[in-house]
Amino acid sequence: MSPDEAPASVPEPAPTPKPAPRRKPTKAVPVKEAEGAGKGAAPEEVLPPRRAELSPGERRLLTVRSARRRRRPKFVRQQSHRYLRIRRRGSWRAPRGVQSKQRRHYGFRPTVVSVGFGTPRAIRGLTPAGFRPVRVENARMVEGLNPKREAAIIAHGVGVRKRLVLEELARRRGLKVLNPIFKEDQEEKGT
């Protein structure tokens, strides 16, 4: 055996595994004020709650609503299979024809919208997390919201500059914004 050749019985060392990527904690600890900072210091940042504070009855009704939504049929317009122009989702019109089989609830026709398919009145209009969405246009409207029960929807006509100010104000108050420009999930994926 020549000195350049290595013995065949010695195995090569296994590569060391890469460490797992560091993740941000799920709950942020509020930042304490720096020592020496007086009354003029910036307010502490508060995270918005993931779910609204609801009574046990309202929480139960939210689960009832989600179960009903899974069973609810898709309401399609009369003869939507025939005409492309009325196939669009969300274009429901009640059948009004005198001889309409769908209006008369014949079994082979699609289901018609009726009261029994609705959601419980106590939670009607709430988001799946239980927040009541409130349309917001200015800072005064943001300050009037309850962060435990309401979430802000920034109005469509608000420009980007003012929208960023409203989002920052809502973030400081611990309010959930349902239509933010910049989502925290995008931030984590980008880094």
Protein backbone atom coordinates (compact mmCIF):
# COMPACT_ATOMS: atom_id res chain seq x y z
CA MET A 1 0.00 0.00 0.00
CA SER A 2 1.42 3.38 -1.00
CA PRO A 3 1.56 6.33 1.41
CA ASP A 4 -0.88 8.35 -0.80
CA GLU A 5 -3.70 5.86 -0.40
CA ALA A 6 -5.95 6.00 2.68
CA PRO A 7 -7.05 2.80 4.41
CA ALA A 8 -10.51 1.68 3.18
CA SER A 9 -11.84 0.76 6.61
CA VAL A 10 -11.91 4.32 8.03
CA PRO A 11 -15.31 5.99 7.25
CA GLU A 12 -15.53 9.67 6.40
CA PRO A 13 -17.09 11.88 9.11
CA ALA A 14 -20.76 12.69 8.55
CA PRO A 15 -21.58 16.34 7.70
CA THR A 16 -22.85 18.34 10.65
CA PRO A 17 -26.57 19.20 10.40
CA LYS A 18 -27.49 22.85 9.88
CA PRO A 19 -29.05 24.55 12.89
CA ALA A 20 -32.79 25.20 12.69
CA PRO A 21 -33.73 28.74 11.62
CA ARG A 22 -34.49 31.07 14.48
CA ARG A 23 -38.13 32.06 14.72
CA LYS A 24 -39.68 35.05 16.34
CA PRO A 25 -41.62 34.37 19.56
CA THR A 26 -45.39 34.12 19.10
CA LYS A 27 -46.14 36.59 21.88
CA ALA A 28 -44.04 39.72 22.02
CA VAL A 29 -43.07 40.98 25.43
CA PRO A 30 -43.93 44.67 25.84
CA VAL A 31 -40.85 46.85 25.54
CA LYS A 32 -39.94 48.50 28.82
CA GLU A 33 -39.20 52.20 28.84
CA ALA A 34 -35.54 53.05 28.82
CA GLU A 35 -34.13 54.35 32.06
CA GLY A 36 -34.09 58.12 32.15
CA ALA A 37 -36.94 58.39 29.66
CA GLY A 38 -39.56 60.75 30.99
CA LYS A 39 -43.16 61.46 30.11
CA GLY A 40 -42.24 62.32 26.51
CA ALA A 41 -41.21 58.72 25.73
CA ALA A 42 -43.07 56.77 23.04
CA PRO A 43 -45.94 54.57 24.32
CA GLU A 44 -45.43 50.83 24.66
CA GLU A 45 -46.37 48.67 21.70
CA VAL A 46 -49.36 46.42 22.30
CA LEU A 47 -50.08 43.37 20.16
CA PRO A 48 -53.64 43.05 18.86
CA PRO A 49 -55.56 40.06 20.22
CA ARG A 50 -55.93 37.07 17.90
CA ARG A 51 -59.58 36.58 18.91
CA ALA A 52 -62.23 38.91 20.27
CA GLU A 53 -63.36 38.63 23.88
CA LEU A 54 -66.75 36.94 23.58
CA SER A 55 -69.16 35.43 26.05
CA PRO A 56 -69.35 31.61 26.10
CA GLY A 57 -72.71 31.77 24.32
CA GLU A 58 -71.28 33.89 21.50
CA ARG A 59 -68.28 31.56 21.17
CA ARG A 60 -70.66 28.61 20.85
CA LEU A 61 -72.68 30.46 18.21
CA LEU A 62 -69.50 31.07 16.17
CA THR A 63 -68.87 27.32 16.04
CA VAL A 64 -72.53 26.75 15.12
CA ARG A 65 -72.20 29.27 12.30
CA SER A 66 -69.06 27.64 10.89
CA ALA A 67 -70.75 24.22 10.99
CA ARG A 68 -73.83 25.61 9.21
CA ARG A 69 -71.67 27.25 6.54
CA ARG A 70 -70.08 23.91 5.70
CA ARG A 71 -73.52 22.35 5.14
CA ARG A 72 -75.02 25.31 3.29
CA PRO A 73 -75.57 24.68 -0.44
CA LYS A 74 -74.21 26.93 -3.15
CA PHE A 75 -77.08 29.08 -4.31
CA VAL A 76 -76.99 29.28 -8.10
CA ARG A 77 -79.19 31.39 -10.31
CA GLN A 78 -81.91 29.95 -12.45
CA GLN A 79 -80.47 28.72 -15.79
CA SER A 80 -76.94 29.73 -14.78
CA HIS A 81 -75.74 26.58 -16.54
CA ARG A 82 -77.07 27.97 -19.80
CA TYR A 83 -75.79 31.55 -19.87
CA LEU A 84 -72.21 32.60 -19.12
CA ARG A 85 -73.27 36.14 -18.18
CA ILE A 86 -75.19 34.93 -15.11
CA ARG A 87 -72.72 32.29 -13.93
CA ARG A 88 -70.73 34.74 -11.88
CA ARG A 89 -70.52 34.01 -8.18
CA GLY A 90 -72.47 36.40 -5.97
CA SER A 91 -75.01 37.32 -8.62
CA TRP A 92 -78.01 35.68 -6.96
CA ARG A 93 -81.48 36.73 -8.11
CA ALA A 94 -84.67 35.16 -6.83
CA PRO A 95 -86.62 33.23 -9.47
CA ARG A 96 -89.83 35.13 -10.29
CA GLY A 97 -91.38 33.27 -13.20
CA VAL A 98 -94.96 32.02 -12.84
CA GLN A 99 -94.01 28.53 -14.03
CA SER A 100 -90.49 28.54 -12.54
CA LYS A 101 -89.62 25.12 -11.16
CA GLN A 102 -86.91 26.59 -8.96
CA ARG A 103 -89.35 29.08 -7.39
CA ARG A 104 -91.78 26.22 -6.72
CA HIS A 105 -88.98 24.21 -5.04
CA TYR A 106 -89.00 21.18 -7.31
CA GLY A 107 -86.50 18.64 -6.03
CA PHE A 108 -84.38 18.53 -9.15
CA ARG A 109 -83.77 22.29 -9.13
CA PRO A 110 -81.12 24.19 -7.10
CA THR A 111 -82.00 25.41 -3.61
CA VAL A 112 -83.43 28.90 -3.19
CA VAL A 113 -82.13 31.36 -0.60
CA SER A 114 -84.34 31.44 2.49
CA VAL A 115 -84.29 32.61 6.10
CA GLY A 116 -83.35 29.23 7.55
CA PHE A 117 -79.88 29.37 5.99
CA GLY A 118 -78.93 32.57 7.86
CA THR A 119 -76.48 32.97 10.73
CA PRO A 120 -77.54 33.53 14.36
CA ARG A 121 -78.54 37.15 14.91
CA ALA A 122 -76.25 37.70 17.93
CA ILE A 123 -73.10 37.10 15.85
CA ARG A 124 -74.27 38.27 12.44
CA GLY A 125 -71.57 40.28 10.69
CA LEU A 126 -68.71 39.17 12.95
CA THR A 127 -65.43 37.93 11.49
CA PRO A 128 -64.45 34.27 12.09
CA ALA A 129 -62.28 35.47 14.99
CA GLY A 130 -65.29 37.21 16.55
CA PHE A 131 -64.42 40.86 15.82
CA ARG A 132 -67.02 43.35 14.64
CA PRO A 133 -65.52 45.08 11.57
CA VAL A 134 -65.73 48.88 11.65
CA ARG A 135 -64.91 51.10 8.65
CA VAL A 136 -62.29 53.70 9.56
CA GLU A 137 -61.36 56.88 7.66
CA ASN A 138 -59.40 59.02 10.13
CA ALA A 139 -57.47 58.94 13.40
CA ARG A 140 -60.47 60.03 15.49
CA MET A 141 -62.42 56.97 14.32
CA VAL A 142 -59.49 54.67 15.21
CA GLU A 143 -59.31 56.07 18.73
CA GLY A 144 -63.01 55.40 19.30
CA LEU A 145 -62.72 51.62 18.76
CA ASN A 146 -62.65 48.93 21.43
CA PRO A 147 -59.61 46.69 20.73
CA LYS A 148 -61.17 43.71 22.55
CA ARG A 149 -64.35 43.57 20.44
CA GLU A 150 -63.84 45.59 17.24
CA ALA A 151 -61.44 45.47 14.30
CA ALA A 152 -60.68 48.29 11.87
CA ILE A 153 -61.20 48.19 8.11
CA ILE A 154 -59.44 51.15 6.51
CA ALA A 155 -61.70 52.76 3.90
CA HIS A 156 -60.92 52.26 0.23
CA GLY A 157 -60.56 55.96 -0.50
CA VAL A 158 -57.80 56.51 2.08
CA GLY A 159 -54.42 57.16 0.43
CA VAL A 160 -51.25 55.24 1.19
CA ARG A 161 -49.62 57.95 3.30
CA LYS A 162 -52.65 58.39 5.57
CA ARG A 163 -53.25 54.62 5.61
CA LEU A 164 -49.75 54.01 7.01
CA VAL A 165 -50.43 56.57 9.75
CA LEU A 166 -53.75 54.88 10.61
CA GLU A 167 -52.13 51.42 10.67
CA GLU A 168 -49.38 52.66 12.99
CA LEU A 169 -51.94 54.28 15.30
CA ALA A 170 -54.00 51.07 15.36
CA ARG A 171 -50.86 49.03 16.09
CA ARG A 172 -49.98 51.26 19.04
CA ARG A 173 -53.51 50.91 20.45
CA GLY A 174 -53.50 47.13 19.99
CA LEU A 175 -56.25 47.19 17.35
CA LYS A 176 -56.54 44.54 14.67
CA VAL A 177 -56.56 45.92 11.11
CA LEU A 178 -58.36 43.56 8.73
CA ASN A 179 -56.93 45.02 5.51
CA PRO A 180 -53.36 46.16 6.22
CA ILE A 181 -50.97 47.09 3.44
CA PHE A 182 -48.08 45.23 5.02
CA LYS A 183 -48.78 41.97 6.82
CA GLU A 184 -46.44 40.55 9.47
CA ASP A 185 -46.39 37.16 7.69
CA GLN A 186 -44.81 38.83 4.64
CA GLU A 187 -42.16 40.35 6.85
CA GLU A 188 -41.12 36.97 8.26
CA LYS A 189 -41.02 35.34 4.79
CA GLY A 190 -38.95 38.18 3.37
CA THR A 191 -36.13 37.87 5.91
